[in-house]
C-alpha cells in the first residue's frame, strides 16, 4: 500500500498554506524539513526511508514553497513549475568568474547526482495540465540567495531558462532520485530575484497561491 504523495517544504508556514488547499481524503503527506539543500535532502531521505520501512512507500515527491522569481520571467504571486532543479552555486570561483562543478574536471559519476535534476516528465505534465497558468522553467537552488542586481543578472545569463530561485529543491530532488521516486518542484513567487527589498515582498499572495495550487496535488 502506498502513502501517496510526499510534499516537502522548508518551513511550517509553507506546509500550512499547502494543507489548507488539499482535497479531503486525498493521500498527501506535507512535511517541513528545514531551510537549505542539506536539511532538505536529509529530511526528505528520512521521510522516504521511514515510509518504506513501514511498508507504505510514497509514489512521488514534490518540493514546494515560496521563492524568488526572475523579473520578466515570473510575476509576484504566481506559480512556477520546475522543468529541472539546479544546484546553481555548486562549483568554484575563478578569475574568469564562476565555474560550474561539471567544468572542474571531476567525473560526474563522483558527484552522486548530476548538478541539474529534471522533473519527472509525467508528474510535470500532470501539474502543467492542472495549473495551466503556471510558468515552467528551471528553478535554481542556492545556499546563499541572491541579494544584488549584479548577481541576479549573472544567474539570468548563466541560466536563460531559469524562472525562479529557492533554497531546497535540488536537495529534495537528490533524495527522490536516490530513492528512484518521481520528483517535481512547485514554487509560489513571493519576491523578485535581486536586491532584497522586504517591502516589495508579497508573502501573503504567495501563500494564497500555494493554497490554490494544493488543490491539484494528490
N, C-alpha and C. Protein backbone atom coordinates (compact mmCIF):
# COMPACT_ATOMS: atom_id res chain seq x y z
N UNK A 1 0.84 -1.20 0.00
CA UNK A 1 0.00 0.00 0.00
C UNK A 1 0.87 1.25 0.00
N UNK A 2 0.49 2.23 -0.80
CA UNK A 2 1.27 3.47 -0.90
C UNK A 2 0.78 4.52 0.07
N UNK A 3 1.70 5.36 0.53
CA UNK A 3 1.34 6.52 1.35
C UNK A 3 0.96 7.71 0.50
N UNK A 4 0.95 7.53 -0.82
CA UNK A 4 0.56 8.62 -1.70
C UNK A 4 1.71 9.56 -1.98
N UNK A 5 1.40 10.84 -2.05
CA UNK A 5 2.36 11.86 -2.43
C UNK A 5 3.00 12.48 -1.19
N UNK A 6 4.33 12.70 -1.26
CA UNK A 6 5.04 13.42 -0.21
C UNK A 6 5.35 14.83 -0.72
N UNK A 7 4.87 15.84 0.00
CA UNK A 7 5.15 17.24 -0.32
C UNK A 7 6.05 17.79 0.77
N UNK A 8 7.24 18.22 0.39
CA UNK A 8 8.23 18.69 1.34
C UNK A 8 8.36 20.21 1.23
N UNK A 9 8.29 20.90 2.38
CA UNK A 9 8.50 22.34 2.41
C UNK A 9 9.69 22.64 3.31
N UNK A 10 10.12 23.89 3.30
CA UNK A 10 11.21 24.30 4.20
C UNK A 10 10.67 24.61 5.59
N UNK A 11 9.63 25.44 5.67
CA UNK A 11 9.16 25.94 6.96
C UNK A 11 7.68 25.62 7.17
N UNK A 12 7.23 25.62 8.43
CA UNK A 12 5.84 25.28 8.73
C UNK A 12 4.81 26.17 8.03
N UNK A 13 5.09 27.45 7.85
CA UNK A 13 4.11 28.34 7.22
C UNK A 13 3.79 27.88 5.79
N UNK A 14 4.80 27.40 5.08
CA UNK A 14 4.56 26.87 3.73
C UNK A 14 3.72 25.60 3.81
N UNK A 15 4.03 24.74 4.75
CA UNK A 15 3.27 23.50 4.92
C UNK A 15 1.81 23.79 5.24
N UNK A 16 1.58 24.77 6.11
CA UNK A 16 0.21 25.13 6.49
C UNK A 16 -0.57 25.67 5.30
N UNK A 17 0.09 26.47 4.47
CA UNK A 17 -0.58 27.00 3.28
C UNK A 17 -0.99 25.88 2.34
N UNK A 18 -0.15 24.88 2.18
CA UNK A 18 -0.47 23.76 1.30
C UNK A 18 -1.58 22.90 1.90
N UNK A 19 -1.48 22.60 3.18
CA UNK A 19 -2.52 21.77 3.82
C UNK A 19 -3.89 22.42 3.70
N UNK A 20 -3.93 23.75 3.73
CA UNK A 20 -5.21 24.46 3.67
C UNK A 20 -5.92 24.26 2.35
N UNK A 21 -5.19 23.89 1.30
CA UNK A 21 -5.82 23.72 0.00
C UNK A 21 -6.00 22.30 -0.46
N UNK A 22 -5.55 21.32 0.32
CA UNK A 22 -5.64 19.93 -0.11
C UNK A 22 -7.08 19.44 -0.16
N UNK A 23 -7.36 18.60 -1.11
CA UNK A 23 -8.68 17.97 -1.22
C UNK A 23 -8.80 16.91 -0.15
N UNK A 24 -9.90 16.89 0.62
CA UNK A 24 -10.05 15.88 1.68
C UNK A 24 -9.94 14.45 1.14
N UNK A 25 -9.33 13.61 1.96
CA UNK A 25 -9.21 12.17 1.69
C UNK A 25 -8.25 11.82 0.56
N UNK A 26 -7.56 12.81 0.00
CA UNK A 26 -6.52 12.52 -0.99
C UNK A 26 -5.23 12.25 -0.22
N UNK A 27 -4.56 11.12 -0.49
CA UNK A 27 -3.36 10.76 0.29
C UNK A 27 -2.15 11.62 -0.03
N UNK A 28 -1.99 12.68 0.76
CA UNK A 28 -0.86 13.59 0.61
C UNK A 28 -0.28 13.85 1.99
N UNK A 29 1.02 13.65 2.14
CA UNK A 29 1.73 13.98 3.37
C UNK A 29 2.52 15.26 3.14
N UNK A 30 2.33 16.26 4.01
CA UNK A 30 3.04 17.52 3.89
C UNK A 30 3.94 17.68 5.11
N UNK A 31 5.23 17.92 4.88
CA UNK A 31 6.17 17.96 5.99
C UNK A 31 7.22 19.04 5.79
N UNK A 32 7.39 19.95 6.76
CA UNK A 32 8.52 20.89 6.71
C UNK A 32 9.78 20.21 7.21
N UNK A 33 10.89 20.39 6.49
CA UNK A 33 12.12 19.69 6.86
C UNK A 33 13.30 20.62 7.12
N UNK A 34 13.10 21.93 7.00
CA UNK A 34 14.19 22.86 7.26
C UNK A 34 14.65 23.60 6.03
N UNK A 35 15.43 24.65 6.28
CA UNK A 35 15.88 25.54 5.21
C UNK A 35 17.24 25.10 4.65
N UNK A 36 17.39 25.18 3.34
CA UNK A 36 18.65 24.87 2.69
C UNK A 36 18.69 23.48 2.10
N UNK A 37 19.56 23.25 1.12
CA UNK A 37 19.60 21.97 0.43
C UNK A 37 20.02 20.79 1.31
N UNK A 38 20.90 21.02 2.29
CA UNK A 38 21.33 19.91 3.15
C UNK A 38 20.19 19.41 4.02
N UNK A 39 19.51 20.33 4.70
CA UNK A 39 18.36 19.94 5.53
C UNK A 39 17.27 19.31 4.68
N UNK A 40 17.05 19.88 3.49
CA UNK A 40 16.01 19.34 2.61
C UNK A 40 16.32 17.92 2.18
N UNK A 41 17.57 17.66 1.80
CA UNK A 41 17.95 16.32 1.36
C UNK A 41 17.86 15.32 2.50
N UNK A 42 18.42 15.69 3.66
CA UNK A 42 18.42 14.77 4.79
C UNK A 42 17.01 14.49 5.28
N UNK A 43 16.21 15.55 5.42
CA UNK A 43 14.84 15.37 5.91
C UNK A 43 13.98 14.56 4.97
N UNK A 44 14.12 14.82 3.66
CA UNK A 44 13.35 14.06 2.68
C UNK A 44 13.76 12.60 2.66
N UNK A 45 15.06 12.35 2.70
CA UNK A 45 15.54 10.96 2.70
C UNK A 45 15.01 10.20 3.91
N UNK A 46 14.98 10.87 5.06
CA UNK A 46 14.47 10.21 6.28
C UNK A 46 12.99 9.86 6.14
N UNK A 47 12.20 10.79 5.62
CA UNK A 47 10.76 10.53 5.45
C UNK A 47 10.53 9.39 4.47
N UNK A 48 11.29 9.38 3.38
CA UNK A 48 11.15 8.29 2.40
C UNK A 48 11.52 6.95 3.03
N UNK A 49 12.62 6.93 3.79
CA UNK A 49 13.06 5.68 4.41
C UNK A 49 12.04 5.17 5.43
N UNK A 50 11.49 6.07 6.25
CA UNK A 50 10.50 5.67 7.25
C UNK A 50 9.26 5.08 6.58
N UNK A 51 8.83 5.70 5.50
CA UNK A 51 7.64 5.20 4.80
C UNK A 51 7.91 3.84 4.19
N UNK A 52 9.09 3.66 3.62
CA UNK A 52 9.43 2.36 3.04
C UNK A 52 9.52 1.29 4.11
N UNK A 53 10.11 1.63 5.28
CA UNK A 53 10.23 0.66 6.37
C UNK A 53 8.86 0.24 6.91
N UNK A 54 7.90 1.16 6.84
CA UNK A 54 6.55 0.87 7.32
C UNK A 54 5.72 0.12 6.29
N UNK A 55 6.29 -0.13 5.11
CA UNK A 55 5.56 -0.82 4.06
C UNK A 55 4.56 0.06 3.35
N UNK A 56 4.73 1.40 3.46
CA UNK A 56 3.82 2.34 2.80
C UNK A 56 4.65 3.39 2.05
N UNK A 57 5.36 2.98 1.02
CA UNK A 57 6.25 3.91 0.31
C UNK A 57 5.46 5.01 -0.40
N UNK A 58 6.11 6.15 -0.56
CA UNK A 58 5.49 7.23 -1.32
C UNK A 58 5.57 6.92 -2.80
N UNK A 59 4.65 7.45 -3.55
CA UNK A 59 4.66 7.24 -5.00
C UNK A 59 5.41 8.33 -5.74
N UNK A 60 5.57 9.50 -5.11
CA UNK A 60 6.27 10.62 -5.73
C UNK A 60 6.59 11.65 -4.66
N UNK A 61 7.50 12.56 -5.00
CA UNK A 61 7.92 13.60 -4.05
C UNK A 61 7.86 14.96 -4.75
N UNK A 62 7.31 15.95 -4.04
CA UNK A 62 7.24 17.32 -4.55
C UNK A 62 7.89 18.26 -3.55
N UNK A 63 8.82 19.08 -4.03
CA UNK A 63 9.37 20.17 -3.23
C UNK A 63 8.50 21.39 -3.50
N UNK A 64 7.98 22.01 -2.43
CA UNK A 64 7.05 23.12 -2.61
C UNK A 64 7.32 24.22 -1.60
N UNK A 65 6.97 25.44 -1.97
CA UNK A 65 7.14 26.57 -1.07
C UNK A 65 7.21 27.86 -1.85
N UNK A 66 7.65 28.91 -1.19
CA UNK A 66 7.79 30.20 -1.85
C UNK A 66 9.21 30.34 -2.40
N UNK A 67 9.40 31.30 -3.26
CA UNK A 67 10.72 31.53 -3.84
C UNK A 67 10.76 32.87 -4.55
N UNK A 68 11.94 33.22 -5.02
CA UNK A 68 12.10 34.45 -5.77
C UNK A 68 11.91 34.19 -7.26
N UNK A 69 11.25 35.12 -7.93
CA UNK A 69 11.04 34.99 -9.36
C UNK A 69 11.94 35.94 -10.14
N UNK A 70 12.47 35.46 -11.25
CA UNK A 70 13.30 36.34 -12.08
C UNK A 70 12.39 37.36 -12.78
N UNK A 71 12.70 38.64 -12.62
CA UNK A 71 11.87 39.67 -13.25
C UNK A 71 11.68 39.42 -14.74
N UNK A 72 10.46 39.68 -15.19
CA UNK A 72 10.05 39.50 -16.59
C UNK A 72 9.96 38.04 -16.99
N UNK A 73 10.19 37.13 -16.04
CA UNK A 73 10.01 35.70 -16.32
C UNK A 73 8.92 35.09 -15.46
N UNK A 74 8.78 35.57 -14.22
CA UNK A 74 7.77 35.04 -13.30
C UNK A 74 7.30 36.18 -12.40
N UNK A 75 6.01 36.44 -12.40
CA UNK A 75 5.45 37.57 -11.66
C UNK A 75 5.17 37.21 -10.21
N UNK A 76 5.13 38.23 -9.36
CA UNK A 76 4.82 38.02 -7.95
C UNK A 76 3.43 37.41 -7.80
N UNK A 77 3.33 36.46 -6.87
CA UNK A 77 2.05 35.83 -6.59
C UNK A 77 1.65 34.74 -7.55
N UNK A 78 2.51 34.39 -8.50
CA UNK A 78 2.19 33.33 -9.45
C UNK A 78 2.91 32.04 -9.08
N UNK A 79 2.51 30.97 -9.73
CA UNK A 79 3.10 29.65 -9.51
C UNK A 79 4.09 29.34 -10.63
N UNK A 80 5.24 28.78 -10.24
CA UNK A 80 6.19 28.28 -11.23
C UNK A 80 6.39 26.78 -11.01
N UNK A 81 6.60 26.08 -12.09
CA UNK A 81 6.86 24.64 -12.07
C UNK A 81 8.25 24.40 -12.63
N UNK A 82 9.05 23.66 -11.89
CA UNK A 82 10.43 23.42 -12.33
C UNK A 82 10.47 22.37 -13.43
N UNK A 83 11.07 22.72 -14.54
CA UNK A 83 11.39 21.71 -15.54
C UNK A 83 12.63 20.94 -15.11
N UNK A 84 13.47 21.63 -14.32
CA UNK A 84 14.64 21.00 -13.71
C UNK A 84 15.02 21.80 -12.47
N UNK A 85 15.59 21.12 -11.49
CA UNK A 85 16.06 21.77 -10.27
C UNK A 85 17.58 21.77 -10.32
N UNK A 86 18.16 22.96 -10.17
CA UNK A 86 19.58 23.15 -10.48
C UNK A 86 20.37 23.57 -9.23
N UNK A 87 21.48 22.90 -8.97
CA UNK A 87 22.40 23.32 -7.91
C UNK A 87 23.25 24.46 -8.47
N UNK A 88 22.72 25.68 -8.40
CA UNK A 88 23.28 26.80 -9.15
C UNK A 88 24.61 27.31 -8.59
N UNK A 89 24.85 27.08 -7.29
CA UNK A 89 26.12 27.57 -6.72
C UNK A 89 27.09 26.45 -6.38
N UNK A 90 26.89 25.29 -6.99
CA UNK A 90 27.81 24.17 -6.80
C UNK A 90 28.93 24.28 -7.83
N UNK A 91 30.13 24.66 -7.36
CA UNK A 91 31.23 24.87 -8.27
C UNK A 91 32.38 25.58 -7.59
N UNK A 92 33.05 26.46 -8.32
CA UNK A 92 34.23 27.15 -7.77
C UNK A 92 34.34 28.55 -8.36
N UNK A 93 34.94 29.44 -7.60
CA UNK A 93 35.26 30.76 -8.12
C UNK A 93 36.53 30.70 -8.95
N UNK A 94 36.65 31.63 -9.88
CA UNK A 94 37.89 31.75 -10.68
C UNK A 94 38.02 33.20 -11.11
N UNK A 95 39.22 33.60 -11.55
CA UNK A 95 39.37 34.97 -12.05
C UNK A 95 38.43 35.28 -13.22
N UNK A 96 38.03 34.27 -13.95
CA UNK A 96 37.14 34.46 -15.09
C UNK A 96 35.67 34.42 -14.70
N UNK A 97 35.40 34.15 -13.42
CA UNK A 97 34.02 34.05 -12.97
C UNK A 97 33.72 32.69 -12.38
N UNK A 98 32.45 32.42 -12.16
CA UNK A 98 32.03 31.16 -11.53
C UNK A 98 32.22 29.99 -12.49
N UNK A 99 32.75 28.89 -11.95
CA UNK A 99 32.91 27.66 -12.72
C UNK A 99 31.96 26.60 -12.19
N UNK A 100 31.00 26.17 -12.99
CA UNK A 100 30.11 25.10 -12.56
C UNK A 100 30.89 23.82 -12.26
N UNK A 101 30.35 22.98 -11.41
CA UNK A 101 31.04 21.78 -10.96
C UNK A 101 31.44 20.89 -12.12
N UNK A 102 30.65 20.86 -13.20
CA UNK A 102 30.96 19.98 -14.31
C UNK A 102 32.15 20.47 -15.13
N UNK A 103 32.59 21.70 -14.89
CA UNK A 103 33.76 22.24 -15.60
C UNK A 103 35.04 22.12 -14.79
N UNK A 104 35.01 21.43 -13.65
CA UNK A 104 36.19 21.32 -12.80
C UNK A 104 36.99 20.06 -13.05
N UNK A 105 36.62 19.30 -14.06
CA UNK A 105 37.36 18.10 -14.40
C UNK A 105 37.02 16.91 -13.53
N UNK A 106 35.95 17.00 -12.78
CA UNK A 106 35.54 15.90 -11.91
C UNK A 106 34.50 15.04 -12.63
N UNK A 107 34.73 13.73 -12.74
CA UNK A 107 33.75 12.88 -13.40
C UNK A 107 32.38 12.99 -12.72
N UNK A 108 31.35 13.11 -13.52
CA UNK A 108 30.00 13.27 -12.95
C UNK A 108 29.63 12.09 -12.05
N UNK A 109 30.21 10.91 -12.33
CA UNK A 109 29.89 9.74 -11.52
C UNK A 109 30.31 9.93 -10.07
N UNK A 110 31.29 10.82 -9.83
CA UNK A 110 31.76 11.04 -8.46
C UNK A 110 30.87 12.02 -7.68
N UNK A 111 29.98 12.69 -8.37
CA UNK A 111 29.17 13.72 -7.72
C UNK A 111 28.01 13.13 -6.92
N UNK A 112 27.61 11.91 -7.23
CA UNK A 112 26.47 11.31 -6.55
C UNK A 112 25.16 11.64 -7.22
N UNK A 113 25.08 12.81 -7.85
CA UNK A 113 23.90 13.23 -8.60
C UNK A 113 24.34 14.31 -9.57
N UNK A 114 23.70 14.40 -10.73
CA UNK A 114 24.05 15.47 -11.66
C UNK A 114 23.71 16.83 -11.06
N UNK A 115 24.38 17.90 -11.49
CA UNK A 115 24.12 19.22 -10.91
C UNK A 115 22.77 19.81 -11.27
N UNK A 116 22.06 19.19 -12.18
CA UNK A 116 20.70 19.59 -12.51
C UNK A 116 19.85 18.33 -12.65
N UNK A 117 18.75 18.27 -11.94
CA UNK A 117 17.90 17.08 -11.97
C UNK A 117 16.56 17.46 -12.60
N UNK A 118 16.19 16.83 -13.71
CA UNK A 118 14.93 17.18 -14.36
C UNK A 118 13.73 16.68 -13.57
N UNK A 119 12.64 17.42 -13.69
CA UNK A 119 11.39 16.95 -13.10
C UNK A 119 10.92 15.70 -13.85
N UNK A 120 10.23 14.83 -13.14
CA UNK A 120 9.66 13.65 -13.78
C UNK A 120 8.69 14.11 -14.87
N UNK A 121 8.87 13.64 -16.11
CA UNK A 121 8.03 14.14 -17.21
C UNK A 121 6.54 13.95 -17.00
N UNK A 122 6.14 12.79 -16.50
CA UNK A 122 4.72 12.51 -16.29
C UNK A 122 4.14 13.39 -15.19
N UNK A 123 4.87 13.51 -14.08
CA UNK A 123 4.39 14.33 -12.97
C UNK A 123 4.32 15.80 -13.38
N UNK A 124 5.33 16.26 -14.10
CA UNK A 124 5.32 17.65 -14.56
C UNK A 124 4.17 17.89 -15.52
N UNK A 125 3.91 16.96 -16.41
CA UNK A 125 2.80 17.11 -17.36
C UNK A 125 1.47 17.20 -16.63
N UNK A 126 1.30 16.38 -15.59
CA UNK A 126 0.06 16.44 -14.80
C UNK A 126 -0.11 17.81 -14.15
N UNK A 127 0.99 18.34 -13.59
CA UNK A 127 0.92 19.63 -12.93
C UNK A 127 0.66 20.75 -13.93
N UNK A 128 1.27 20.67 -15.09
CA UNK A 128 1.06 21.71 -16.10
C UNK A 128 -0.38 21.71 -16.60
N UNK A 129 -0.97 20.52 -16.70
CA UNK A 129 -2.37 20.43 -17.11
C UNK A 129 -3.28 20.99 -16.01
N UNK A 130 -2.97 20.66 -14.76
CA UNK A 130 -3.81 21.11 -13.64
C UNK A 130 -3.62 22.60 -13.35
N UNK A 131 -2.44 23.13 -13.67
CA UNK A 131 -2.12 24.53 -13.38
C UNK A 131 -1.70 25.23 -14.67
N UNK A 132 -2.65 25.44 -15.59
CA UNK A 132 -2.29 25.95 -16.92
C UNK A 132 -1.70 27.36 -16.91
N UNK A 133 -1.93 28.12 -15.86
CA UNK A 133 -1.38 29.48 -15.80
C UNK A 133 0.02 29.52 -15.19
N UNK A 134 0.49 28.39 -14.71
CA UNK A 134 1.83 28.36 -14.10
C UNK A 134 2.91 28.55 -15.16
N UNK A 135 4.01 29.14 -14.75
CA UNK A 135 5.17 29.31 -15.61
C UNK A 135 6.14 28.17 -15.38
N UNK A 136 6.59 27.54 -16.45
CA UNK A 136 7.52 26.41 -16.33
C UNK A 136 8.92 26.84 -16.76
N UNK A 137 9.91 26.37 -16.03
CA UNK A 137 11.30 26.66 -16.34
C UNK A 137 12.19 26.13 -15.24
N UNK A 138 13.48 26.36 -15.37
CA UNK A 138 14.42 25.90 -14.34
C UNK A 138 14.21 26.68 -13.05
N UNK A 139 14.30 25.97 -11.93
CA UNK A 139 14.29 26.61 -10.61
C UNK A 139 15.66 26.36 -9.99
N UNK A 140 16.35 27.43 -9.65
CA UNK A 140 17.70 27.34 -9.11
C UNK A 140 17.66 27.14 -7.61
N UNK A 141 18.54 26.27 -7.11
CA UNK A 141 18.72 26.08 -5.68
C UNK A 141 20.03 26.75 -5.28
N UNK A 142 19.95 27.64 -4.29
CA UNK A 142 21.11 28.38 -3.83
C UNK A 142 21.18 28.33 -2.31
N UNK A 143 22.37 28.09 -1.76
CA UNK A 143 22.54 28.15 -0.32
C UNK A 143 22.57 29.60 0.16
N UNK A 144 23.04 30.50 -0.69
CA UNK A 144 23.01 31.94 -0.41
C UNK A 144 22.13 32.57 -1.48
N UNK A 145 20.95 33.05 -1.08
CA UNK A 145 20.03 33.58 -2.07
C UNK A 145 20.51 34.93 -2.57
N UNK A 146 20.04 35.29 -3.73
CA UNK A 146 20.50 36.49 -4.42
C UNK A 146 20.05 37.76 -3.70
N UNK A 147 20.99 38.72 -3.61
CA UNK A 147 20.67 39.98 -2.95
C UNK A 147 21.13 41.21 -3.70
N UNK A 148 21.67 41.04 -4.90
CA UNK A 148 22.14 42.17 -5.68
C UNK A 148 21.67 42.04 -7.12
N UNK A 149 21.56 43.18 -7.79
CA UNK A 149 21.17 43.18 -9.19
C UNK A 149 22.24 42.50 -10.04
N UNK A 150 23.51 42.66 -9.66
CA UNK A 150 24.61 42.06 -10.42
C UNK A 150 24.52 40.54 -10.40
N UNK A 151 24.29 39.96 -9.20
CA UNK A 151 24.17 38.51 -9.12
C UNK A 151 22.95 38.01 -9.86
N UNK A 152 21.85 38.74 -9.76
CA UNK A 152 20.63 38.35 -10.47
C UNK A 152 20.87 38.31 -11.98
N UNK A 153 21.57 39.31 -12.49
CA UNK A 153 21.87 39.36 -13.92
C UNK A 153 22.78 38.21 -14.32
N UNK A 154 23.79 37.91 -13.48
CA UNK A 154 24.70 36.81 -13.78
C UNK A 154 23.96 35.48 -13.85
N UNK A 155 23.08 35.24 -12.87
CA UNK A 155 22.33 33.99 -12.86
C UNK A 155 21.38 33.91 -14.05
N UNK A 156 20.73 35.01 -14.38
CA UNK A 156 19.82 35.01 -15.52
C UNK A 156 20.55 34.73 -16.82
N UNK A 157 21.80 35.18 -16.90
CA UNK A 157 22.61 34.92 -18.09
C UNK A 157 23.09 33.47 -18.12
N UNK A 158 23.56 32.97 -16.97
CA UNK A 158 24.03 31.59 -16.90
C UNK A 158 22.91 30.59 -17.17
N UNK A 159 21.70 30.95 -16.73
CA UNK A 159 20.55 30.03 -16.84
C UNK A 159 19.41 30.75 -17.55
N UNK A 160 19.45 30.82 -18.87
CA UNK A 160 18.40 31.55 -19.60
C UNK A 160 17.02 30.94 -19.46
N UNK A 161 16.94 29.70 -18.99
CA UNK A 161 15.64 29.07 -18.78
C UNK A 161 15.15 29.18 -17.34
N UNK A 162 15.93 29.86 -16.48
CA UNK A 162 15.55 29.95 -15.06
C UNK A 162 14.38 30.91 -14.87
N UNK A 163 13.40 30.48 -14.09
CA UNK A 163 12.25 31.34 -13.78
C UNK A 163 12.21 31.73 -12.32
N UNK A 164 12.91 30.98 -11.45
CA UNK A 164 12.84 31.26 -10.02
C UNK A 164 14.06 30.67 -9.32
N UNK A 165 14.25 31.12 -8.07
CA UNK A 165 15.27 30.55 -7.21
C UNK A 165 14.68 30.28 -5.84
N UNK A 166 15.22 29.26 -5.17
CA UNK A 166 14.83 28.92 -3.81
C UNK A 166 16.03 28.23 -3.17
N UNK A 167 15.82 27.55 -2.04
CA UNK A 167 16.96 27.01 -1.30
C UNK A 167 16.89 25.49 -1.06
N UNK A 168 15.83 24.82 -1.51
CA UNK A 168 15.68 23.41 -1.14
C UNK A 168 15.48 22.43 -2.29
N UNK A 169 14.99 22.89 -3.43
CA UNK A 169 14.54 21.97 -4.48
C UNK A 169 15.55 20.92 -4.87
N UNK A 170 16.80 21.33 -5.10
CA UNK A 170 17.79 20.36 -5.54
C UNK A 170 18.05 19.30 -4.48
N UNK A 171 18.06 19.70 -3.20
CA UNK A 171 18.26 18.72 -2.13
C UNK A 171 17.16 17.68 -2.10
N UNK A 172 15.91 18.14 -2.26
CA UNK A 172 14.78 17.20 -2.30
C UNK A 172 14.89 16.31 -3.54
N UNK A 173 15.30 16.90 -4.65
CA UNK A 173 15.43 16.13 -5.89
C UNK A 173 16.46 15.02 -5.76
N UNK A 174 17.58 15.30 -5.09
CA UNK A 174 18.61 14.27 -4.90
C UNK A 174 18.06 13.11 -4.07
N UNK A 175 17.36 13.43 -2.98
CA UNK A 175 16.78 12.37 -2.15
C UNK A 175 15.78 11.53 -2.94
N UNK A 176 14.93 12.18 -3.72
CA UNK A 176 13.94 11.46 -4.52
C UNK A 176 14.63 10.60 -5.58
N UNK A 177 15.66 11.15 -6.24
CA UNK A 177 16.35 10.41 -7.29
C UNK A 177 17.03 9.17 -6.73
N UNK A 178 17.65 9.29 -5.56
CA UNK A 178 18.34 8.14 -4.98
C UNK A 178 17.36 7.07 -4.51
N UNK A 179 16.12 7.49 -4.23
CA UNK A 179 15.08 6.52 -3.86
C UNK A 179 14.30 6.05 -5.08
N UNK A 180 14.68 6.55 -6.26
CA UNK A 180 14.03 6.20 -7.53
C UNK A 180 12.55 6.56 -7.51
N UNK A 181 12.26 7.75 -6.99
CA UNK A 181 10.88 8.24 -6.95
C UNK A 181 10.73 9.43 -7.89
N UNK A 182 9.58 9.56 -8.55
CA UNK A 182 9.34 10.74 -9.38
C UNK A 182 9.40 12.01 -8.54
N UNK A 183 9.90 13.09 -9.15
CA UNK A 183 10.10 14.34 -8.43
C UNK A 183 9.58 15.52 -9.24
N UNK A 184 9.07 16.53 -8.52
CA UNK A 184 8.70 17.80 -9.14
C UNK A 184 8.91 18.91 -8.11
N UNK A 185 9.01 20.14 -8.59
CA UNK A 185 9.16 21.29 -7.70
C UNK A 185 8.14 22.35 -8.08
N UNK A 186 7.42 22.84 -7.06
CA UNK A 186 6.38 23.85 -7.24
C UNK A 186 6.72 25.04 -6.34
N UNK A 187 6.77 26.24 -6.93
CA UNK A 187 7.10 27.44 -6.16
C UNK A 187 6.06 28.53 -6.42
N UNK A 188 5.72 29.26 -5.35
CA UNK A 188 4.93 30.47 -5.48
C UNK A 188 5.88 31.65 -5.33
N UNK A 189 5.80 32.60 -6.23
CA UNK A 189 6.76 33.71 -6.26
C UNK A 189 6.36 34.77 -5.24
N UNK A 190 7.23 34.96 -4.25
CA UNK A 190 6.97 35.93 -3.18
C UNK A 190 7.75 37.21 -3.34
N UNK A 191 8.81 37.19 -4.14
CA UNK A 191 9.68 38.36 -4.27
C UNK A 191 10.47 38.26 -5.57
N UNK A 192 10.94 39.39 -6.08
CA UNK A 192 11.79 39.34 -7.26
C UNK A 192 13.21 38.95 -6.90
N UNK A 193 13.88 38.22 -7.77
CA UNK A 193 15.29 37.91 -7.59
C UNK A 193 16.09 39.20 -7.80
N UNK A 194 16.92 39.54 -6.82
CA UNK A 194 17.70 40.76 -6.91
C UNK A 194 17.86 41.42 -5.56
N UNK A 195 18.02 42.74 -5.51
CA UNK A 195 18.18 43.44 -4.23
C UNK A 195 17.05 43.09 -3.26
N UNK A 196 17.41 42.83 -2.00
CA UNK A 196 16.45 42.31 -1.04
C UNK A 196 15.67 43.44 -0.37
N UNK A 197 14.63 43.85 -1.05
CA UNK A 197 13.71 44.88 -0.57
C UNK A 197 12.50 44.20 0.04
N UNK A 198 12.49 44.05 1.37
CA UNK A 198 11.39 43.32 2.02
C UNK A 198 10.04 44.00 1.79
N UNK A 199 10.07 45.30 1.55
CA UNK A 199 8.81 46.00 1.29
C UNK A 199 8.16 45.58 -0.02
N UNK A 200 8.95 44.99 -0.92
CA UNK A 200 8.42 44.55 -2.21
C UNK A 200 7.96 43.10 -2.19
N UNK A 201 8.16 42.42 -1.07
CA UNK A 201 7.76 41.02 -0.98
C UNK A 201 6.24 40.91 -0.89
N UNK A 202 5.71 39.81 -1.40
CA UNK A 202 4.27 39.55 -1.37
C UNK A 202 4.03 38.13 -0.84
N UNK A 203 4.40 37.94 0.43
CA UNK A 203 4.28 36.61 1.03
C UNK A 203 2.83 36.15 1.12
N UNK A 204 1.93 37.06 1.50
CA UNK A 204 0.53 36.65 1.63
C UNK A 204 0.00 36.15 0.29
N UNK A 205 0.30 36.88 -0.77
CA UNK A 205 -0.15 36.46 -2.10
C UNK A 205 0.49 35.13 -2.49
N UNK A 206 1.76 34.93 -2.13
CA UNK A 206 2.43 33.67 -2.45
C UNK A 206 1.82 32.51 -1.68
N UNK A 207 1.53 32.71 -0.40
CA UNK A 207 0.89 31.64 0.38
C UNK A 207 -0.50 31.32 -0.18
N UNK A 208 -1.23 32.35 -0.59
CA UNK A 208 -2.56 32.11 -1.18
C UNK A 208 -2.43 31.31 -2.48
N UNK A 209 -1.39 31.61 -3.25
CA UNK A 209 -1.17 30.87 -4.49
C UNK A 209 -0.83 29.41 -4.21
N UNK A 210 -0.03 29.16 -3.15
CA UNK A 210 0.27 27.78 -2.76
C UNK A 210 -1.00 27.04 -2.37
N UNK A 211 -1.87 27.70 -1.60
CA UNK A 211 -3.12 27.06 -1.17
C UNK A 211 -3.96 26.70 -2.37
N UNK A 212 -4.07 27.61 -3.34
CA UNK A 212 -4.86 27.33 -4.54
C UNK A 212 -4.25 26.18 -5.34
N UNK A 213 -2.93 26.17 -5.45
CA UNK A 213 -2.28 25.12 -6.22
C UNK A 213 -2.40 23.75 -5.54
N UNK A 214 -2.47 23.74 -4.22
CA UNK A 214 -2.51 22.48 -3.47
C UNK A 214 -3.72 21.63 -3.80
N UNK A 215 -4.78 22.27 -4.27
CA UNK A 215 -5.98 21.51 -4.64
C UNK A 215 -5.70 20.56 -5.79
N UNK A 216 -4.61 20.77 -6.49
CA UNK A 216 -4.26 19.94 -7.64
C UNK A 216 -3.18 18.92 -7.32
N UNK A 217 -2.83 18.78 -6.05
CA UNK A 217 -1.84 17.79 -5.64
C UNK A 217 -2.55 16.53 -5.16
N UNK A 218 -1.92 15.42 -5.40
CA UNK A 218 -2.53 14.18 -4.92
C UNK A 218 -2.40 13.06 -5.93
